[in-house]
């Protein structure tokens, strides 16, 4: 599974530990933050084609740990946020970073959010410069060191 390989790249925890921790969290803010982070990564280059949108939606659907939040809720959250991005890029970005910032200072959730976003972004086999810069911005909002996730060296 591509998520397992990509998570190993960004996290010291095992896939099973990561999935178990997300499942146990059952925290609405964590789900919203993960989806917001995914939308930020998807829109990292400033726009998303219909194909990219569908691919990201497919990656989210296939990301088992967040299915614990209820796939219908996850998809509805993703669609609402991406609609905001499509309507007004700045508004979508502000809303996404607001959702991410809600986790700042929470015990384990900020690291889970960054790990999930990086794993989903890299699951298609790539993690380009814009996606890395966005992941670094997410770390900054959460007051995390990007080096912890091996993304500090963004080109």
Protein backbone atom coordinates (compact mmCIF):
# COMPACT_ATOMS: atom_id res chain seq x y z
CA UNK A 1 0.00 0.00 0.00
CA UNK A 2 1.48 3.36 -0.99
CA UNK A 3 0.45 5.02 2.30
CA UNK A 4 2.53 2.60 4.35
CA UNK A 5 5.64 3.32 2.30
CA UNK A 6 5.09 7.08 2.33
CA UNK A 7 4.27 7.16 6.06
CA UNK A 8 7.57 5.41 6.78
CA UNK A 9 9.28 8.27 4.99
CA UNK A 10 7.72 10.92 7.26
CA UNK A 11 7.23 9.14 10.57
CA UNK A 12 9.07 7.05 13.09
CA UNK A 13 5.88 5.22 14.03
CA UNK A 14 4.64 2.11 12.29
CA UNK A 15 1.59 2.12 10.03
CA UNK A 16 -0.31 0.06 12.60
CA UNK A 17 0.52 2.48 15.43
CA UNK A 18 -0.43 5.45 13.26
CA UNK A 19 -3.73 3.91 12.15
CA UNK A 20 -4.56 2.85 15.70
CA UNK A 21 -3.86 6.32 17.06
CA UNK A 22 -6.03 8.01 14.43
CA UNK A 23 -8.82 5.48 15.02
CA UNK A 24 -8.66 6.02 18.78
CA UNK A 25 -8.69 9.79 18.41
CA UNK A 26 -12.24 10.06 17.05
CA UNK A 27 -11.65 13.79 17.17
CA UNK A 28 -13.61 15.95 14.73
CA UNK A 29 -10.91 18.63 14.72
CA UNK A 30 -8.31 16.02 13.77
CA UNK A 31 -10.45 14.82 10.86
CA UNK A 32 -11.08 18.38 9.69
CA UNK A 33 -7.39 19.20 10.06
CA UNK A 34 -6.30 16.16 8.04
CA UNK A 35 -8.78 16.97 5.28
CA UNK A 36 -7.76 20.64 5.34
CA UNK A 37 -4.12 19.65 5.11
CA UNK A 38 -4.90 17.38 2.16
CA UNK A 39 -6.74 20.20 0.42
CA UNK A 40 -3.81 22.56 1.05
CA UNK A 41 -1.41 20.02 -0.44
CA UNK A 42 -3.74 19.43 -3.40
CA UNK A 43 -3.93 23.17 -4.09
CA UNK A 44 -0.23 23.75 -3.39
CA UNK A 45 0.42 24.79 -6.97
CA UNK A 46 -2.56 27.15 -6.97
CA UNK A 47 -5.12 25.06 -8.84
CA UNK A 48 -6.55 21.57 -9.12
CA UNK A 49 -7.84 19.92 -12.26
CA UNK A 50 -10.90 17.66 -12.12
CA UNK A 51 -8.54 14.70 -12.50
CA UNK A 52 -6.39 15.84 -9.56
CA UNK A 53 -9.52 16.41 -7.46
CA UNK A 54 -10.78 12.92 -8.23
CA UNK A 55 -7.36 11.40 -7.54
CA UNK A 56 -7.13 13.19 -4.16
CA UNK A 57 -10.66 12.09 -3.32
CA UNK A 58 -9.68 8.52 -4.20
CA UNK A 59 -6.59 8.76 -2.00
CA UNK A 60 -8.71 10.04 0.88
CA UNK A 61 -11.30 7.28 0.38
CA UNK A 62 -8.52 4.69 0.43
CA UNK A 63 -6.80 6.09 3.51
CA UNK A 64 -8.19 3.64 6.06
CA UNK A 65 -7.29 5.53 9.25
CA UNK A 66 -9.60 8.46 8.49
CA UNK A 67 -12.46 6.13 7.55
CA UNK A 68 -12.95 5.83 11.31
CA UNK A 69 -14.42 9.34 11.21
CA UNK A 70 -17.15 8.20 8.83
CA UNK A 71 -16.42 8.26 5.13
CA UNK A 72 -19.52 10.33 4.31
CA UNK A 73 -18.44 13.05 6.77
CA UNK A 74 -14.86 12.96 5.50
CA UNK A 75 -15.94 13.31 1.88
CA UNK A 76 -18.47 16.06 2.69
CA UNK A 77 -15.77 17.99 4.55
CA UNK A 78 -13.33 17.58 1.65
CA UNK A 79 -15.92 18.63 -0.95
CA UNK A 80 -16.99 21.70 1.04
CA UNK A 81 -13.43 22.84 1.50
CA UNK A 82 -12.37 22.23 -2.10
CA UNK A 83 -15.44 24.16 -3.24
CA UNK A 84 -14.19 27.10 -1.17
CA UNK A 85 -10.78 26.80 -2.83
CA UNK A 86 -12.37 26.69 -6.28
CA UNK A 87 -14.57 29.70 -5.56
CA UNK A 88 -11.92 31.83 -3.84
CA UNK A 89 -8.38 30.50 -3.45
CA UNK A 90 -7.54 32.81 -0.54
CA UNK A 91 -10.76 32.01 1.32
CA UNK A 92 -10.19 28.28 0.88
CA UNK A 93 -6.61 28.54 2.06
CA UNK A 94 -7.59 30.65 5.08
CA UNK A 95 -10.32 28.18 6.04
CA UNK A 96 -7.94 25.25 5.64
CA UNK A 97 -5.21 26.83 7.75
CA UNK A 98 -7.82 27.73 10.36
CA UNK A 99 -8.85 24.06 10.58
CA UNK A 100 -5.18 23.04 10.84
CA UNK A 101 -4.50 25.66 13.54
CA UNK A 102 -7.25 24.25 15.77
CA UNK A 103 -4.88 21.37 16.54
CA UNK A 104 -1.97 23.59 17.59
CA UNK A 105 -0.84 22.61 21.04
CA UNK A 106 -2.92 19.43 21.17
CA UNK A 107 -0.97 16.46 22.49
CA UNK A 108 -0.43 14.06 19.59
CA UNK A 109 -2.72 15.41 16.93
CA UNK A 110 -0.46 17.94 15.18
CA UNK A 111 2.12 15.26 14.31
CA UNK A 112 -0.62 12.89 13.16
CA UNK A 113 -2.01 15.60 10.89
CA UNK A 114 1.38 16.30 9.27
CA UNK A 115 2.14 12.60 8.88
CA UNK A 116 -1.25 11.96 7.28
CA UNK A 117 -0.93 14.88 4.86
CA UNK A 118 2.56 13.87 3.82
CA UNK A 119 1.58 10.21 3.43
CA UNK A 120 -1.44 11.07 1.30
CA UNK A 121 0.53 13.58 -0.78
CA UNK A 122 3.32 11.08 -1.44
CA UNK A 123 1.03 8.10 -2.02
CA UNK A 124 0.87 8.81 -5.75
CA UNK A 125 4.64 8.40 -5.96
CA UNK A 126 5.56 12.07 -5.84
CA UNK A 127 6.01 14.85 -3.34
CA UNK A 128 6.88 17.93 -5.33
CA UNK A 129 8.42 21.21 -4.16
CA UNK A 130 5.09 23.03 -3.80
CA UNK A 131 3.63 20.18 -1.73
CA UNK A 132 6.73 20.15 0.47
CA UNK A 133 6.53 23.94 1.00
CA UNK A 134 2.86 23.58 1.94
CA UNK A 135 3.70 20.78 4.40
CA UNK A 136 6.35 23.05 5.91
CA UNK A 137 3.78 25.86 6.27
CA UNK A 138 1.46 23.39 8.02
CA UNK A 139 4.32 22.55 10.40
CA UNK A 140 4.88 26.26 11.05
CA UNK A 141 1.19 26.80 11.86
CA UNK A 142 1.35 23.85 14.26
CA UNK A 143 4.71 24.98 15.68
CA UNK A 144 6.37 21.70 14.67
CA UNK A 145 9.87 21.26 13.30
CA UNK A 146 9.68 20.15 9.64
CA UNK A 147 12.91 18.21 10.18
CA UNK A 148 10.92 15.76 12.33
CA UNK A 149 9.10 14.72 9.15
CA UNK A 150 12.11 14.84 6.83
CA UNK A 151 10.66 17.74 4.85
CA UNK A 152 12.89 20.58 6.03
CA UNK A 153 15.08 20.40 2.94
CA UNK A 154 12.36 21.48 0.51
CA UNK A 155 13.97 22.59 -2.74
